[in-house]
Amino acid sequence: MMKPVQREELLDYQTYTEQRDAFRKEAMQAKDERRVRVGDVLTFLFENRTTVRYQVQEMMRVEQMVKEAEIQHELETYNELLGDDGELGATLMIEIDDSGERDVKLRQWLQLPESTYALLEDGRRVHATFDARQKGDDKVSSVQFLKFDTGGAVPVALGVDFEGLRAETRLSDAQRAALGNDLAD
């Protein structure tokens, strides 16, 4: 299991603001190594301790959080994005610029999260589990939190097999190395 970010790893928002540039550079590099574009409108961002810590620190900075209960809530919320033992956690962003088209697609694509998969080296497709809180009765959210239980195996590709939206993207060596490191964490 990827070790969750601990409270003692977080800086107060003022100290973080002073050190933000260096930390942001590290977080952006981590995100770049873990970002996978599938088709024209889907982007997966695999989360790790660096990306989660960055998100929490940014929330603390923007909201100028000092109350421990608020900080702990953000920490618990973002730590949920990390995979459990043998899992990879990812944020899936459905990126459709036109709001009218986006609304139509989000209603048509209600089953999209269940149609996403990680392709393993042996040819098996591991379908994602998703956070049901992000799915309504009549449409899916444009941001989904997914987990792929790969059993600790590093995927070779990500894809979606959904009527009207079929695509697969091979992972680069750098992406596979980053995900391998996350699974070993």
N, C-alpha and C. Protein backbone atom coordinates (compact mmCIF):
# COMPACT_ATOMS: atom_id res chain seq x y z
N MET A 1 0.83 -1.18 0.00
CA MET A 1 0.00 0.00 0.00
C MET A 1 0.88 1.24 0.00
N MET A 2 0.53 2.20 -0.85
CA MET A 2 1.27 3.44 -0.87
C MET A 2 1.01 4.16 0.45
N LYS A 3 2.06 4.52 1.12
CA LYS A 3 1.93 5.18 2.42
C LYS A 3 1.22 6.52 2.24
N PRO A 4 0.15 6.75 3.01
CA PRO A 4 -0.54 8.04 2.91
C PRO A 4 0.36 9.20 3.38
N VAL A 5 0.06 10.38 2.90
CA VAL A 5 0.76 11.58 3.36
C VAL A 5 0.34 11.82 4.81
N GLN A 6 1.31 12.09 5.65
CA GLN A 6 1.05 12.31 7.07
C GLN A 6 0.99 13.81 7.39
N ARG A 7 0.28 14.15 8.43
CA ARG A 7 0.12 15.56 8.82
C ARG A 7 1.47 16.23 9.05
N GLU A 8 2.41 15.52 9.65
CA GLU A 8 3.71 16.13 9.96
C GLU A 8 4.53 16.45 8.71
N GLU A 9 4.12 15.93 7.55
CA GLU A 9 4.81 16.24 6.30
C GLU A 9 4.35 17.57 5.70
N LEU A 10 3.27 18.12 6.23
CA LEU A 10 2.71 19.36 5.67
C LEU A 10 3.28 20.58 6.37
N LEU A 11 3.54 21.59 5.58
CA LEU A 11 4.01 22.87 6.11
C LEU A 11 2.82 23.78 6.34
N ASP A 12 2.96 24.72 7.27
CA ASP A 12 1.90 25.72 7.39
C ASP A 12 1.87 26.52 6.09
N TYR A 13 0.73 27.13 5.78
CA TYR A 13 0.56 27.73 4.46
C TYR A 13 1.55 28.87 4.19
N GLN A 14 1.98 29.59 5.21
CA GLN A 14 2.94 30.67 4.99
C GLN A 14 4.32 30.13 4.62
N THR A 15 4.78 29.12 5.34
CA THR A 15 6.07 28.51 5.04
C THR A 15 6.01 27.85 3.66
N TYR A 16 4.91 27.18 3.38
CA TYR A 16 4.76 26.55 2.07
C TYR A 16 4.82 27.60 0.96
N THR A 17 4.16 28.72 1.15
CA THR A 17 4.16 29.78 0.14
C THR A 17 5.58 30.23 -0.15
N GLU A 18 6.42 30.32 0.88
CA GLU A 18 7.81 30.73 0.70
C GLU A 18 8.61 29.69 -0.10
N GLN A 19 8.24 28.41 0.03
CA GLN A 19 8.98 27.32 -0.62
C GLN A 19 8.23 26.76 -1.83
N ARG A 20 7.14 27.39 -2.21
CA ARG A 20 6.22 26.85 -3.21
C ARG A 20 6.88 26.58 -4.56
N ASP A 21 7.70 27.48 -5.04
CA ASP A 21 8.27 27.32 -6.38
C ASP A 21 9.03 26.00 -6.52
N ALA A 22 9.86 25.68 -5.55
CA ALA A 22 10.64 24.44 -5.62
C ALA A 22 9.73 23.22 -5.51
N PHE A 23 8.78 23.28 -4.59
CA PHE A 23 7.89 22.14 -4.42
C PHE A 23 6.98 21.98 -5.63
N ARG A 24 6.53 23.08 -6.19
CA ARG A 24 5.66 23.02 -7.37
C ARG A 24 6.41 22.39 -8.56
N LYS A 25 7.67 22.72 -8.71
CA LYS A 25 8.48 22.15 -9.79
C LYS A 25 8.54 20.62 -9.65
N GLU A 26 8.78 20.15 -8.43
CA GLU A 26 8.84 18.71 -8.18
C GLU A 26 7.48 18.06 -8.46
N ALA A 27 6.40 18.70 -8.02
CA ALA A 27 5.05 18.15 -8.22
C ALA A 27 4.68 18.12 -9.70
N MET A 28 5.03 19.16 -10.44
CA MET A 28 4.70 19.18 -11.87
C MET A 28 5.46 18.10 -12.63
N GLN A 29 6.70 17.85 -12.23
CA GLN A 29 7.47 16.78 -12.85
C GLN A 29 6.81 15.43 -12.55
N ALA A 30 6.39 15.23 -11.31
CA ALA A 30 5.71 13.98 -10.94
C ALA A 30 4.42 13.81 -11.74
N LYS A 31 3.67 14.90 -11.91
CA LYS A 31 2.43 14.83 -12.69
C LYS A 31 2.72 14.53 -14.15
N ASP A 32 3.73 15.18 -14.71
CA ASP A 32 4.08 14.95 -16.12
C ASP A 32 4.41 13.48 -16.37
N GLU A 33 5.11 12.85 -15.43
CA GLU A 33 5.51 11.45 -15.58
C GLU A 33 4.33 10.50 -15.45
N ARG A 34 3.23 10.99 -14.87
CA ARG A 34 2.08 10.13 -14.57
C ARG A 34 0.82 10.52 -15.34
N ARG A 35 0.95 11.41 -16.31
CA ARG A 35 -0.20 11.87 -17.11
C ARG A 35 -0.26 11.07 -18.40
N VAL A 36 -1.45 10.50 -18.68
CA VAL A 36 -1.64 9.68 -19.87
C VAL A 36 -2.90 10.15 -20.58
N ARG A 37 -2.73 10.55 -21.81
CA ARG A 37 -3.85 11.00 -22.65
C ARG A 37 -4.37 9.79 -23.42
N VAL A 38 -5.68 9.56 -23.35
CA VAL A 38 -6.31 8.44 -24.07
C VAL A 38 -7.41 9.03 -24.95
N GLY A 39 -7.24 8.87 -26.25
CA GLY A 39 -8.20 9.46 -27.18
C GLY A 39 -8.11 10.97 -27.16
N ASP A 40 -9.16 11.60 -27.63
CA ASP A 40 -9.17 13.06 -27.75
C ASP A 40 -9.60 13.81 -26.49
N VAL A 41 -10.32 13.14 -25.58
CA VAL A 41 -10.91 13.89 -24.48
C VAL A 41 -10.65 13.33 -23.09
N LEU A 42 -9.87 12.27 -22.97
CA LEU A 42 -9.63 11.67 -21.65
C LEU A 42 -8.17 11.83 -21.25
N THR A 43 -7.96 12.32 -20.04
CA THR A 43 -6.63 12.40 -19.47
C THR A 43 -6.65 11.73 -18.10
N PHE A 44 -5.73 10.78 -17.92
CA PHE A 44 -5.55 10.11 -16.64
C PHE A 44 -4.33 10.71 -15.97
N LEU A 45 -4.46 11.02 -14.70
CA LEU A 45 -3.31 11.46 -13.91
C LEU A 45 -3.18 10.52 -12.72
N PHE A 46 -2.14 9.70 -12.75
CA PHE A 46 -1.91 8.78 -11.65
C PHE A 46 -1.34 9.57 -10.47
N GLU A 47 -1.92 9.29 -9.31
CA GLU A 47 -1.56 10.04 -8.10
C GLU A 47 -0.49 9.28 -7.32
N ASN A 48 0.36 10.05 -6.66
CA ASN A 48 1.32 9.47 -5.73
C ASN A 48 1.46 10.43 -4.55
N ARG A 49 2.37 10.12 -3.66
CA ARG A 49 2.51 10.94 -2.45
C ARG A 49 2.87 12.39 -2.77
N THR A 50 3.68 12.60 -3.78
CA THR A 50 4.08 13.96 -4.15
C THR A 50 2.89 14.75 -4.68
N THR A 51 2.09 14.14 -5.56
CA THR A 51 0.94 14.86 -6.14
C THR A 51 -0.12 15.14 -5.08
N VAL A 52 -0.32 14.19 -4.17
CA VAL A 52 -1.31 14.39 -3.11
C VAL A 52 -0.85 15.47 -2.14
N ARG A 53 0.40 15.40 -1.75
CA ARG A 53 0.91 16.43 -0.83
C ARG A 53 0.79 17.81 -1.46
N TYR A 54 1.12 17.91 -2.73
CA TYR A 54 1.00 19.19 -3.44
C TYR A 54 -0.44 19.70 -3.41
N GLN A 55 -1.40 18.82 -3.71
CA GLN A 55 -2.80 19.24 -3.72
C GLN A 55 -3.25 19.75 -2.35
N VAL A 56 -2.86 19.04 -1.29
CA VAL A 56 -3.23 19.45 0.05
C VAL A 56 -2.58 20.79 0.39
N GLN A 57 -1.29 20.91 0.09
CA GLN A 57 -0.59 22.18 0.38
C GLN A 57 -1.22 23.34 -0.38
N GLU A 58 -1.60 23.10 -1.63
CA GLU A 58 -2.24 24.16 -2.41
C GLU A 58 -3.58 24.57 -1.81
N MET A 59 -4.35 23.60 -1.36
CA MET A 59 -5.63 23.92 -0.72
C MET A 59 -5.40 24.72 0.56
N MET A 60 -4.41 24.31 1.33
CA MET A 60 -4.09 25.05 2.56
C MET A 60 -3.68 26.48 2.24
N ARG A 61 -2.90 26.65 1.17
CA ARG A 61 -2.43 27.98 0.79
C ARG A 61 -3.58 28.85 0.31
N VAL A 62 -4.38 28.32 -0.61
CA VAL A 62 -5.48 29.10 -1.19
C VAL A 62 -6.51 29.47 -0.13
N GLU A 63 -6.83 28.51 0.72
CA GLU A 63 -7.86 28.73 1.76
C GLU A 63 -7.27 29.31 3.04
N GLN A 64 -5.95 29.47 3.08
CA GLN A 64 -5.23 29.93 4.27
C GLN A 64 -5.68 29.16 5.51
N MET A 65 -5.63 27.86 5.39
CA MET A 65 -6.09 26.96 6.46
C MET A 65 -5.11 26.94 7.62
N VAL A 66 -5.67 27.07 8.81
CA VAL A 66 -4.89 26.91 10.03
C VAL A 66 -5.56 25.97 11.02
N LYS A 67 -6.85 25.75 10.86
CA LYS A 67 -7.57 24.87 11.78
C LYS A 67 -7.23 23.42 11.46
N GLU A 68 -6.83 22.71 12.50
CA GLU A 68 -6.40 21.32 12.32
C GLU A 68 -7.49 20.44 11.72
N ALA A 69 -8.73 20.65 12.10
CA ALA A 69 -9.82 19.83 11.57
C ALA A 69 -9.96 20.01 10.06
N GLU A 70 -9.79 21.23 9.58
CA GLU A 70 -9.88 21.49 8.14
C GLU A 70 -8.71 20.86 7.39
N ILE A 71 -7.52 20.99 7.96
CA ILE A 71 -6.33 20.41 7.34
C ILE A 71 -6.46 18.89 7.31
N GLN A 72 -6.90 18.31 8.40
CA GLN A 72 -7.06 16.86 8.47
C GLN A 72 -8.09 16.37 7.46
N HIS A 73 -9.17 17.13 7.29
CA HIS A 73 -10.19 16.77 6.31
C HIS A 73 -9.60 16.75 4.89
N GLU A 74 -8.84 17.77 4.53
CA GLU A 74 -8.21 17.81 3.21
C GLU A 74 -7.24 16.64 3.03
N LEU A 75 -6.48 16.38 4.05
CA LEU A 75 -5.51 15.29 4.01
C LEU A 75 -6.21 13.94 3.80
N GLU A 76 -7.27 13.69 4.54
CA GLU A 76 -8.02 12.44 4.39
C GLU A 76 -8.65 12.34 3.00
N THR A 77 -9.21 13.46 2.52
CA THR A 77 -9.85 13.47 1.20
C THR A 77 -8.85 13.13 0.10
N TYR A 78 -7.71 13.79 0.10
CA TYR A 78 -6.74 13.57 -0.96
C TYR A 78 -5.99 12.25 -0.82
N ASN A 79 -5.79 11.77 0.41
CA ASN A 79 -5.15 10.46 0.58
C ASN A 79 -6.00 9.34 0.01
N GLU A 80 -7.31 9.56 -0.10
CA GLU A 80 -8.19 8.56 -0.71
C GLU A 80 -7.82 8.29 -2.17
N LEU A 81 -7.11 9.23 -2.80
CA LEU A 81 -6.74 9.08 -4.20
C LEU A 81 -5.61 8.07 -4.40
N LEU A 82 -4.88 7.78 -3.35
CA LEU A 82 -3.76 6.85 -3.45
C LEU A 82 -4.27 5.41 -3.52
N GLY A 83 -3.57 4.60 -4.26
CA GLY A 83 -3.95 3.20 -4.37
C GLY A 83 -3.62 2.43 -3.11
N ASP A 84 -4.41 1.38 -2.87
CA ASP A 84 -4.11 0.44 -1.80
C ASP A 84 -3.04 -0.52 -2.31
N ASP A 85 -2.75 -1.54 -1.55
CA ASP A 85 -1.71 -2.50 -1.91
C ASP A 85 -2.00 -3.09 -3.29
N GLY A 86 -1.05 -2.95 -4.23
CA GLY A 86 -1.19 -3.49 -5.58
C GLY A 86 -2.07 -2.66 -6.50
N GLU A 87 -2.51 -1.49 -6.04
CA GLU A 87 -3.39 -0.64 -6.83
C GLU A 87 -2.69 0.64 -7.26
N LEU A 88 -3.18 1.19 -8.36
CA LEU A 88 -2.78 2.52 -8.80
C LEU A 88 -4.03 3.41 -8.76
N GLY A 89 -3.91 4.55 -8.11
CA GLY A 89 -5.01 5.51 -8.05
C GLY A 89 -4.80 6.57 -9.12
N ALA A 90 -5.90 6.95 -9.77
CA ALA A 90 -5.79 7.93 -10.85
C ALA A 90 -6.99 8.87 -10.83
N THR A 91 -6.75 10.09 -11.26
CA THR A 91 -7.81 11.04 -11.52
C THR A 91 -8.04 11.02 -13.03
N LEU A 92 -9.27 10.81 -13.43
CA LEU A 92 -9.65 10.83 -14.84
C LEU A 92 -10.38 12.14 -15.11
N MET A 93 -9.88 12.88 -16.08
CA MET A 93 -10.51 14.15 -16.46
C MET A 93 -11.10 14.00 -17.86
N ILE A 94 -12.39 14.26 -17.95
CA ILE A 94 -13.08 14.26 -19.24
C ILE A 94 -13.05 15.70 -19.72
N GLU A 95 -12.28 15.96 -20.77
CA GLU A 95 -11.98 17.33 -21.18
C GLU A 95 -12.68 17.68 -22.49
N ILE A 96 -13.88 18.23 -22.35
CA ILE A 96 -14.66 18.69 -23.50
C ILE A 96 -14.93 20.18 -23.28
N ASP A 97 -14.35 21.01 -24.13
CA ASP A 97 -14.44 22.46 -23.94
C ASP A 97 -15.85 23.01 -24.08
N ASP A 98 -16.58 22.56 -25.08
CA ASP A 98 -17.92 23.08 -25.34
C ASP A 98 -18.88 22.60 -24.25
N SER A 99 -19.45 23.52 -23.48
CA SER A 99 -20.29 23.14 -22.34
C SER A 99 -21.54 22.37 -22.76
N GLY A 100 -22.14 22.72 -23.88
CA GLY A 100 -23.32 22.01 -24.35
C GLY A 100 -22.99 20.58 -24.72
N GLU A 101 -21.91 20.41 -25.49
CA GLU A 101 -21.47 19.07 -25.88
C GLU A 101 -21.07 18.27 -24.65
N ARG A 102 -20.36 18.92 -23.71
CA ARG A 102 -19.92 18.24 -22.49
C ARG A 102 -21.13 17.72 -21.71
N ASP A 103 -22.17 18.54 -21.57
CA ASP A 103 -23.35 18.12 -20.82
C ASP A 103 -24.00 16.89 -21.47
N VAL A 104 -24.11 16.91 -22.79
CA VAL A 104 -24.70 15.77 -23.52
C VAL A 104 -23.85 14.52 -23.31
N LYS A 105 -22.55 14.64 -23.49
CA LYS A 105 -21.66 13.48 -23.38
C LYS A 105 -21.65 12.92 -21.95
N LEU A 106 -21.64 13.79 -20.95
CA LEU A 106 -21.61 13.31 -19.57
C LEU A 106 -22.88 12.54 -19.22
N ARG A 107 -23.97 12.84 -19.91
CA ARG A 107 -25.21 12.07 -19.72
C ARG A 107 -25.14 10.75 -20.50
N GLN A 108 -24.57 10.79 -21.69
CA GLN A 108 -24.46 9.58 -22.51
C GLN A 108 -23.40 8.62 -21.96
N TRP A 109 -22.41 9.15 -21.31
CA TRP A 109 -21.28 8.35 -20.86
C TRP A 109 -21.39 7.94 -19.39
N LEU A 110 -22.57 7.72 -18.91
CA LEU A 110 -22.78 7.36 -17.51
C LEU A 110 -21.97 6.13 -17.10
N GLN A 111 -21.79 5.19 -18.01
CA GLN A 111 -21.05 3.95 -17.70
C GLN A 111 -19.56 4.03 -18.07
N LEU A 112 -19.10 5.20 -18.45
CA LEU A 112 -17.70 5.35 -18.87
C LEU A 112 -16.69 4.88 -17.83
N PRO A 113 -16.81 5.26 -16.55
CA PRO A 113 -15.77 4.83 -15.61
C PRO A 113 -15.54 3.32 -15.58
N GLU A 114 -16.62 2.54 -15.69
CA GLU A 114 -16.49 1.09 -15.66
C GLU A 114 -15.88 0.54 -16.95
N SER A 115 -15.80 1.36 -17.98
CA SER A 115 -15.27 0.92 -19.27
C SER A 115 -13.81 1.25 -19.45
N THR A 116 -13.18 1.85 -18.46
CA THR A 116 -11.76 2.17 -18.55
C THR A 116 -10.96 0.97 -18.04
N TYR A 117 -9.78 0.81 -18.58
CA TYR A 117 -8.97 -0.34 -18.18
C TYR A 117 -7.49 -0.03 -18.28
N ALA A 118 -6.74 -0.81 -17.53
CA ALA A 118 -5.28 -0.85 -17.63
C ALA A 118 -4.94 -2.18 -18.28
N LEU A 119 -4.13 -2.15 -19.30
CA LEU A 119 -3.69 -3.36 -19.99
C LEU A 119 -2.37 -3.80 -19.39
N LEU A 120 -2.34 -5.06 -18.96
CA LEU A 120 -1.11 -5.61 -18.36
C LEU A 120 -0.29 -6.32 -19.43
N GLU A 121 0.96 -6.57 -19.11
CA GLU A 121 1.89 -7.17 -20.06
C GLU A 121 1.41 -8.53 -20.58
N ASP A 122 0.68 -9.26 -19.72
CA ASP A 122 0.20 -10.59 -20.13
C ASP A 122 -1.09 -10.52 -20.96
N GLY A 123 -1.55 -9.30 -21.28
CA GLY A 123 -2.73 -9.13 -22.11
C GLY A 123 -4.03 -8.97 -21.34
N ARG A 124 -4.00 -9.13 -20.03
CA ARG A 124 -5.21 -8.96 -19.23
C ARG A 124 -5.59 -7.49 -19.13
N ARG A 125 -6.89 -7.24 -19.16
CA ARG A 125 -7.43 -5.90 -18.92
C ARG A 125 -7.94 -5.84 -17.49
N VAL A 126 -7.44 -4.88 -16.75
CA VAL A 126 -7.91 -4.65 -15.38
C VAL A 126 -8.82 -3.42 -15.42
N HIS A 127 -10.10 -3.64 -15.21
CA HIS A 127 -11.05 -2.53 -15.25
C HIS A 127 -10.98 -1.72 -13.97
N ALA A 128 -11.24 -0.44 -14.10
CA ALA A 128 -11.16 0.47 -12.97
C ALA A 128 -12.35 0.32 -12.04
N THR A 129 -12.09 0.56 -10.77
CA THR A 129 -13.17 0.82 -9.83
C THR A 129 -13.20 2.32 -9.66
N PHE A 130 -14.34 2.87 -9.32
CA PHE A 130 -14.46 4.32 -9.26
C PHE A 130 -15.20 4.73 -8.01
N ASP A 131 -15.10 5.99 -7.70
CA ASP A 131 -15.77 6.58 -6.54
C ASP A 131 -17.21 6.87 -6.93
N ALA A 132 -18.14 6.09 -6.41
CA ALA A 132 -19.56 6.22 -6.76
C ALA A 132 -20.13 7.58 -6.38
N ARG A 133 -19.46 8.31 -5.50
CA ARG A 133 -19.95 9.64 -5.11
C ARG A 133 -19.86 10.63 -6.26
N GLN A 134 -19.13 10.30 -7.30
CA GLN A 134 -18.95 11.21 -8.43
C GLN A 134 -19.83 10.87 -9.62
N LYS A 135 -20.82 10.08 -9.37
CA LYS A 135 -21.70 9.65 -10.45
C LYS A 135 -23.14 9.86 -9.99
N GLY A 136 -23.87 10.65 -10.73
CA GLY A 136 -25.27 10.88 -10.40
C GLY A 136 -26.15 9.83 -11.05
N ASP A 137 -27.44 10.02 -10.95
CA ASP A 137 -28.39 9.10 -11.56
C ASP A 137 -28.46 9.27 -13.06
N ASP A 138 -28.16 10.50 -13.53
CA ASP A 138 -28.34 10.76 -14.95
C ASP A 138 -27.09 11.23 -15.68
N LYS A 139 -26.00 11.47 -14.95
CA LYS A 139 -24.76 11.84 -15.63
C LYS A 139 -23.56 11.57 -14.75
N VAL A 140 -22.43 11.50 -15.41
CA VAL A 140 -21.16 11.26 -14.74
C VAL A 140 -20.45 12.61 -14.57
N SER A 141 -19.64 12.73 -13.54
CA SER A 141 -18.86 13.94 -13.33
C SER A 141 -17.71 14.00 -14.34
N SER A 142 -17.28 15.19 -14.69
CA SER A 142 -16.18 15.33 -15.64
C SER A 142 -14.83 15.01 -15.00
N VAL A 143 -14.80 14.84 -13.69
CA VAL A 143 -13.60 14.40 -12.98
C VAL A 143 -13.97 13.15 -12.19
N GLN A 144 -13.23 12.09 -12.42
CA GLN A 144 -13.49 10.81 -11.76
C GLN A 144 -12.24 10.36 -11.02
N PHE A 145 -12.44 9.72 -9.87
CA PHE A 145 -11.34 9.14 -9.13
C PHE A 145 -11.43 7.63 -9.28
N LEU A 146 -10.40 7.04 -9.89
CA LEU A 146 -10.39 5.63 -10.24
C LEU A 146 -9.25 4.90 -9.55
N LYS A 147 -9.42 3.61 -9.42
CA LYS A 147 -8.34 2.75 -8.94
C LYS A 147 -8.27 1.53 -9.84
N PHE A 148 -7.05 1.14 -10.15
CA PHE A 148 -6.79 -0.05 -10.95
C PHE A 148 -6.04 -1.04 -10.06
N ASP A 149 -6.67 -2.17 -9.76
CA ASP A 149 -6.02 -3.20 -8.95
C ASP A 149 -5.23 -4.11 -9.89
N THR A 150 -3.99 -3.75 -10.11
CA THR A 150 -3.13 -4.49 -11.04
C THR A 150 -2.38 -5.62 -10.36
N GLY A 151 -2.64 -5.80 -9.06
CA GLY A 151 -1.90 -6.83 -8.33
C GLY A 151 -0.41 -6.52 -8.23
N GLY A 152 -0.08 -5.25 -8.39
CA GLY A 152 1.31 -4.82 -8.32
C GLY A 152 2.02 -4.81 -9.66
N ALA A 153 1.34 -5.26 -10.72
CA ALA A 153 1.93 -5.25 -12.05
C ALA A 153 1.83 -3.85 -12.66
N VAL A 154 2.84 -3.46 -13.39
CA VAL A 154 2.86 -2.15 -14.05
C VAL A 154 2.14 -2.28 -15.39
N PRO A 155 1.14 -1.45 -15.64
CA PRO A 155 0.42 -1.53 -16.92
C PRO A 155 1.32 -1.16 -18.09
N VAL A 156 0.97 -1.67 -19.27
CA VAL A 156 1.67 -1.30 -20.50
C VAL A 156 0.85 -0.30 -21.32
N ALA A 157 -0.46 -0.22 -21.01
CA ALA A 157 -1.33 0.70 -21.74
C ALA A 157 -2.56 1.01 -20.89
N LEU A 158 -3.23 2.10 -21.25
CA LEU A 158 -4.53 2.47 -20.67
C LEU A 158 -5.51 2.60 -21.81
N GLY A 159 -6.75 2.25 -21.52
CA GLY A 159 -7.73 2.37 -22.59
C GLY A 159 -9.14 2.52 -22.08
N VAL A 160 -10.01 2.72 -23.04
CA VAL A 160 -11.44 2.79 -22.79
C VAL A 160 -12.12 2.01 -23.90
N ASP A 161 -13.08 1.20 -23.52
CA ASP A 161 -13.82 0.39 -24.47
C ASP A 161 -15.30 0.65 -24.23
N PHE A 162 -15.76 1.73 -24.82
CA PHE A 162 -17.11 2.21 -24.59
C PHE A 162 -17.71 2.57 -25.94
N GLU A 163 -18.96 2.24 -26.13
CA GLU A 163 -19.59 2.51 -27.42
C GLU A 163 -19.43 3.99 -27.78
N GLY A 164 -18.84 4.24 -28.92
CA GLY A 164 -18.61 5.61 -29.37
C GLY A 164 -17.33 6.23 -28.84
N LEU A 165 -16.63 5.51 -27.97
CA LEU A 165 -15.38 6.03 -27.41
C LEU A 165 -14.46 4.84 -27.12
N ARG A 166 -13.71 4.46 -28.13
CA ARG A 166 -12.75 3.37 -27.98
C ARG A 166 -11.37 3.91 -28.32
N ALA A 167 -10.47 3.78 -27.35
CA ALA A 167 -9.11 4.26 -27.57
C ALA A 167 -8.18 3.56 -26.59
N GLU A 168 -6.91 3.48 -26.97
CA GLU A 168 -5.91 2.89 -26.10
C GLU A 168 -4.59 3.61 -26.33
N THR A 169 -3.87 3.87 -25.25
CA THR A 169 -2.58 4.54 -25.32
C THR A 169 -1.53 3.70 -24.62
N ARG A 170 -0.44 3.41 -25.33
CA ARG A 170 0.69 2.69 -24.74
C ARG A 170 1.42 3.65 -23.80
N LEU A 171 1.86 3.14 -22.68
CA LEU A 171 2.62 3.94 -21.73
C LEU A 171 4.08 3.98 -22.16
N SER A 172 4.70 5.12 -21.98
CA SER A 172 6.13 5.26 -22.30
C SER A 172 6.95 4.55 -21.22
N ASP A 173 8.21 4.34 -21.51
CA ASP A 173 9.10 3.73 -20.52
C ASP A 173 9.16 4.58 -19.25
N ALA A 174 9.19 5.91 -19.41
CA ALA A 174 9.24 6.81 -18.25
C ALA A 174 7.95 6.70 -17.42
N GLN A 175 6.81 6.61 -18.09
CA GLN A 175 5.55 6.47 -17.36
C GLN A 175 5.52 5.13 -16.60
N ARG A 176 5.95 4.08 -17.27
CA ARG A 176 5.96 2.76 -16.63
C ARG A 176 6.92 2.75 -15.43
N ALA A 177 8.06 3.41 -15.57
CA ALA A 177 9.01 3.46 -14.45
C ALA A 177 8.41 4.22 -13.27
N ALA A 178 7.74 5.34 -13.55
CA ALA A 178 7.12 6.13 -12.47
C ALA A 178 6.05 5.31 -11.75
N LEU A 179 5.19 4.61 -12.52
CA LEU A 179 4.14 3.80 -11.91
C LEU A 179 4.73 2.61 -11.15
N GLY A 180 5.80 2.05 -11.67
CA GLY A 180 6.48 0.97 -10.97
C GLY A 180 7.02 1.42 -9.62
N ASN A 181 7.57 2.63 -9.60
CA ASN A 181 8.05 3.20 -8.33
C ASN A 181 6.91 3.40 -7.36
N ASP A 182 5.76 3.86 -7.87
CA ASP A 182 4.60 4.08 -7.00
C ASP A 182 4.10 2.76 -6.42
N LEU A 183 4.07 1.72 -7.24
CA LEU A 183 3.60 0.42 -6.75
C LEU A 183 4.56 -0.16 -5.72
N ALA A 184 5.84 0.18 -5.83
CA ALA A 184 6.84 -0.33 -4.89
C ALA A 184 6.89 0.49 -3.60
N ASP A 185 6.29 1.70 -3.61
CA ASP A 185 6.33 2.60 -2.45
C ASP A 185 5.61 2.00 -1.27
